[in-house]
N, C-alpha and C. Protein backbone atom coordinates (compact mmCIF):
# COMPACT_ATOMS: atom_id res chain seq x y z
N MET A 1 0.84 -1.18 0.00
CA MET A 1 0.00 0.00 0.00
C MET A 1 0.89 1.24 0.00
N LEU A 2 0.59 2.20 -0.79
CA LEU A 2 1.32 3.46 -0.91
C LEU A 2 2.76 3.27 -1.33
N GLY A 3 3.12 2.12 -1.88
CA GLY A 3 4.46 1.90 -2.38
C GLY A 3 5.51 1.66 -1.31
N VAL A 4 5.12 1.43 -0.07
CA VAL A 4 6.07 1.17 1.01
C VAL A 4 6.13 -0.32 1.23
N ARG A 5 7.32 -0.87 1.14
CA ARG A 5 7.47 -2.31 1.35
C ARG A 5 8.07 -2.56 2.73
N VAL A 6 7.42 -3.43 3.47
CA VAL A 6 7.90 -3.79 4.81
C VAL A 6 8.63 -5.11 4.69
N PRO A 7 9.87 -5.17 5.18
CA PRO A 7 10.61 -6.42 5.10
C PRO A 7 9.86 -7.55 5.81
N PRO A 8 9.96 -8.78 5.31
CA PRO A 8 9.26 -9.90 5.94
C PRO A 8 9.70 -10.07 7.39
N GLY A 9 8.73 -10.31 8.25
CA GLY A 9 9.03 -10.53 9.68
C GLY A 9 9.01 -9.26 10.50
N LEU A 10 9.24 -8.12 9.86
CA LEU A 10 9.27 -6.86 10.62
C LEU A 10 7.88 -6.51 11.13
N GLN A 11 6.86 -6.69 10.31
CA GLN A 11 5.49 -6.36 10.71
C GLN A 11 5.07 -7.21 11.90
N ASP A 12 5.43 -8.48 11.90
CA ASP A 12 5.06 -9.36 13.01
C ASP A 12 5.69 -8.90 14.30
N SER A 13 6.97 -8.47 14.26
CA SER A 13 7.63 -8.03 15.49
C SER A 13 7.02 -6.73 15.98
N CYS A 14 6.59 -5.85 15.06
CA CYS A 14 5.94 -4.60 15.47
C CYS A 14 4.60 -4.90 16.14
N ASP A 15 3.85 -5.85 15.59
CA ASP A 15 2.57 -6.23 16.19
C ASP A 15 2.79 -6.80 17.58
N ASP A 16 3.82 -7.63 17.75
CA ASP A 16 4.12 -8.22 19.06
C ASP A 16 4.43 -7.14 20.08
N ILE A 17 5.21 -6.14 19.66
CA ILE A 17 5.58 -5.05 20.57
C ILE A 17 4.34 -4.27 20.99
N VAL A 18 3.45 -3.98 20.05
CA VAL A 18 2.23 -3.23 20.36
C VAL A 18 1.37 -4.01 21.34
N PHE A 19 1.17 -5.31 21.07
CA PHE A 19 0.33 -6.10 21.95
C PHE A 19 0.96 -6.27 23.33
N LYS A 20 2.28 -6.35 23.42
CA LYS A 20 2.95 -6.45 24.71
C LYS A 20 2.77 -5.15 25.51
N LYS A 21 2.84 -4.02 24.81
CA LYS A 21 2.64 -2.73 25.50
C LYS A 21 1.21 -2.61 26.00
N ILE A 22 0.25 -3.06 25.20
CA ILE A 22 -1.15 -3.01 25.62
C ILE A 22 -1.36 -3.92 26.83
N GLU A 23 -0.79 -5.12 26.77
CA GLU A 23 -0.92 -6.06 27.88
C GLU A 23 -0.30 -5.50 29.15
N LYS A 24 0.88 -4.89 29.04
CA LYS A 24 1.54 -4.29 30.20
C LYS A 24 0.69 -3.17 30.79
N TYR A 25 0.13 -2.33 29.92
CA TYR A 25 -0.71 -1.23 30.37
C TYR A 25 -1.93 -1.75 31.14
N LEU A 26 -2.59 -2.76 30.60
CA LEU A 26 -3.78 -3.30 31.26
C LEU A 26 -3.44 -3.94 32.61
N LYS A 27 -2.32 -4.64 32.69
CA LYS A 27 -1.90 -5.25 33.96
C LYS A 27 -1.58 -4.18 35.00
N GLU A 28 -0.86 -3.13 34.59
CA GLU A 28 -0.52 -2.05 35.51
C GLU A 28 -1.77 -1.30 35.96
N THR A 29 -2.72 -1.10 35.06
CA THR A 29 -3.96 -0.42 35.41
C THR A 29 -4.75 -1.24 36.43
N ALA A 30 -4.85 -2.55 36.21
CA ALA A 30 -5.57 -3.41 37.15
C ALA A 30 -4.89 -3.40 38.51
N ALA A 31 -3.57 -3.44 38.54
CA ALA A 31 -2.84 -3.40 39.81
C ALA A 31 -3.08 -2.08 40.54
N GLU A 32 -3.08 -1.00 39.81
CA GLU A 32 -3.32 0.33 40.42
C GLU A 32 -4.72 0.42 40.99
N LEU A 33 -5.71 -0.13 40.29
CA LEU A 33 -7.09 -0.10 40.78
C LEU A 33 -7.25 -0.93 42.06
N ARG A 34 -6.48 -2.01 42.18
CA ARG A 34 -6.54 -2.81 43.42
C ARG A 34 -5.93 -2.06 44.59
N ARG A 35 -4.91 -1.22 44.35
CA ARG A 35 -4.26 -0.47 45.43
C ARG A 35 -5.04 0.78 45.83
N MET A 36 -5.93 1.20 44.98
CA MET A 36 -6.66 2.45 45.19
C MET A 36 -7.63 2.35 46.37
N THR A 37 -7.76 3.43 47.12
CA THR A 37 -8.76 3.46 48.20
C THR A 37 -9.97 4.23 47.68
N TRP A 38 -11.10 3.57 47.68
CA TRP A 38 -12.33 4.17 47.17
C TRP A 38 -13.00 4.95 48.29
N PRO A 39 -13.70 6.05 47.96
CA PRO A 39 -14.36 6.85 49.00
C PRO A 39 -15.53 6.07 49.62
N THR A 40 -15.78 6.39 50.89
CA THR A 40 -16.93 5.80 51.56
C THR A 40 -18.20 6.49 51.05
N LYS A 41 -19.34 5.94 51.42
CA LYS A 41 -20.61 6.53 50.98
C LYS A 41 -20.76 7.94 51.53
N ASP A 42 -20.38 8.14 52.79
CA ASP A 42 -20.48 9.47 53.40
C ASP A 42 -19.58 10.49 52.69
N GLU A 43 -18.35 10.07 52.36
CA GLU A 43 -17.44 10.97 51.65
C GLU A 43 -17.98 11.31 50.26
N LEU A 44 -18.56 10.32 49.61
CA LEU A 44 -19.11 10.53 48.27
C LEU A 44 -20.30 11.49 48.31
N VAL A 45 -21.18 11.30 49.27
CA VAL A 45 -22.34 12.19 49.41
C VAL A 45 -21.88 13.61 49.73
N GLY A 46 -20.90 13.73 50.64
CA GLY A 46 -20.39 15.06 51.00
C GLY A 46 -19.76 15.77 49.81
N SER A 47 -18.97 15.04 49.05
CA SER A 47 -18.34 15.63 47.86
C SER A 47 -19.38 16.04 46.83
N THR A 48 -20.41 15.23 46.68
CA THR A 48 -21.47 15.54 45.72
C THR A 48 -22.21 16.81 46.13
N ILE A 49 -22.51 16.94 47.40
CA ILE A 49 -23.21 18.13 47.89
C ILE A 49 -22.36 19.38 47.67
N VAL A 50 -21.06 19.28 47.98
CA VAL A 50 -20.17 20.42 47.77
C VAL A 50 -20.12 20.80 46.29
N THR A 51 -20.05 19.82 45.42
CA THR A 51 -20.00 20.07 43.98
C THR A 51 -21.26 20.77 43.50
N VAL A 52 -22.42 20.30 43.95
CA VAL A 52 -23.69 20.89 43.51
C VAL A 52 -23.81 22.32 44.04
N VAL A 53 -23.46 22.55 45.29
CA VAL A 53 -23.57 23.89 45.88
C VAL A 53 -22.63 24.87 45.17
N VAL A 54 -21.39 24.47 44.97
CA VAL A 54 -20.43 25.36 44.31
C VAL A 54 -20.88 25.64 42.87
N SER A 55 -21.40 24.63 42.19
CA SER A 55 -21.89 24.82 40.82
C SER A 55 -23.04 25.83 40.79
N LEU A 56 -23.95 25.73 41.75
CA LEU A 56 -25.06 26.68 41.82
C LEU A 56 -24.57 28.10 42.10
N ILE A 57 -23.62 28.24 43.00
CA ILE A 57 -23.09 29.57 43.33
C ILE A 57 -22.43 30.18 42.09
N VAL A 58 -21.62 29.40 41.39
CA VAL A 58 -20.96 29.90 40.18
C VAL A 58 -21.99 30.25 39.12
N ALA A 59 -23.02 29.43 38.95
CA ALA A 59 -24.06 29.70 37.95
C ALA A 59 -24.80 30.99 38.27
N ILE A 60 -25.13 31.19 39.53
CA ILE A 60 -25.81 32.42 39.94
C ILE A 60 -24.91 33.64 39.70
N PHE A 61 -23.63 33.52 40.05
CA PHE A 61 -22.69 34.62 39.84
C PHE A 61 -22.59 34.97 38.35
N ILE A 62 -22.43 33.95 37.51
CA ILE A 62 -22.33 34.19 36.07
C ILE A 62 -23.63 34.80 35.54
N GLY A 63 -24.77 34.35 36.04
CA GLY A 63 -26.05 34.91 35.63
C GLY A 63 -26.16 36.38 35.99
N ILE A 64 -25.74 36.73 37.20
CA ILE A 64 -25.79 38.13 37.63
C ILE A 64 -24.86 39.00 36.78
N VAL A 65 -23.65 38.52 36.55
CA VAL A 65 -22.70 39.28 35.73
C VAL A 65 -23.25 39.43 34.31
N ASP A 66 -23.83 38.38 33.76
CA ASP A 66 -24.42 38.45 32.42
C ASP A 66 -25.55 39.48 32.39
N TRP A 67 -26.42 39.45 33.37
CA TRP A 67 -27.53 40.39 33.43
C TRP A 67 -27.01 41.83 33.49
N MET A 68 -25.98 42.06 34.33
CA MET A 68 -25.41 43.40 34.46
C MET A 68 -24.78 43.86 33.15
N LEU A 69 -24.07 42.97 32.48
CA LEU A 69 -23.45 43.35 31.21
C LEU A 69 -24.49 43.65 30.14
N VAL A 70 -25.55 42.85 30.09
CA VAL A 70 -26.62 43.12 29.13
C VAL A 70 -27.24 44.48 29.40
N ARG A 71 -27.50 44.77 30.67
CA ARG A 71 -28.06 46.08 31.02
C ARG A 71 -27.11 47.21 30.63
N ALA A 72 -25.81 47.04 30.89
CA ALA A 72 -24.83 48.09 30.58
C ALA A 72 -24.73 48.30 29.07
N ILE A 73 -24.68 47.21 28.31
CA ILE A 73 -24.56 47.33 26.85
C ILE A 73 -25.83 47.94 26.27
N THR A 74 -26.98 47.54 26.79
CA THR A 74 -28.25 48.12 26.32
C THR A 74 -28.28 49.62 26.62
N PHE A 75 -27.82 50.02 27.79
CA PHE A 75 -27.78 51.42 28.17
C PHE A 75 -26.86 52.22 27.24
N VAL A 76 -25.68 51.65 26.96
CA VAL A 76 -24.72 52.35 26.12
C VAL A 76 -25.26 52.51 24.69
N PHE A 77 -25.80 51.43 24.13
CA PHE A 77 -26.25 51.48 22.73
C PHE A 77 -27.63 52.12 22.55
N SER A 78 -28.34 52.34 23.63
CA SER A 78 -29.64 53.01 23.49
C SER A 78 -29.49 54.52 23.67
N GLY A 79 -28.29 54.98 23.83
CA GLY A 79 -28.03 56.41 23.94
C GLY A 79 -28.12 56.92 25.38
N GLY A 80 -28.08 56.05 26.32
CA GLY A 80 -28.05 56.45 27.72
C GLY A 80 -29.40 56.83 28.28
N ALA A 81 -30.45 56.51 27.59
CA ALA A 81 -31.77 56.90 28.06
C ALA A 81 -32.39 55.82 28.89
């Protein structure tokens, strides 16, 4: 394909290297997941509540800033009336 010739046997060794790297990655990932400490239910609930509250505060802040900017731009382009 595309005029590139691969010497015999080279493609097989490249495939072996790729599959060995994938296998190594999956083994290391599984080992890391076994060592990991998962949050308790209470920690998970607490983190979720903090995330929702902070998201609401940021959303309200952005909404207020947006409202103020719309009012300011409308005032400027309407001739200050």
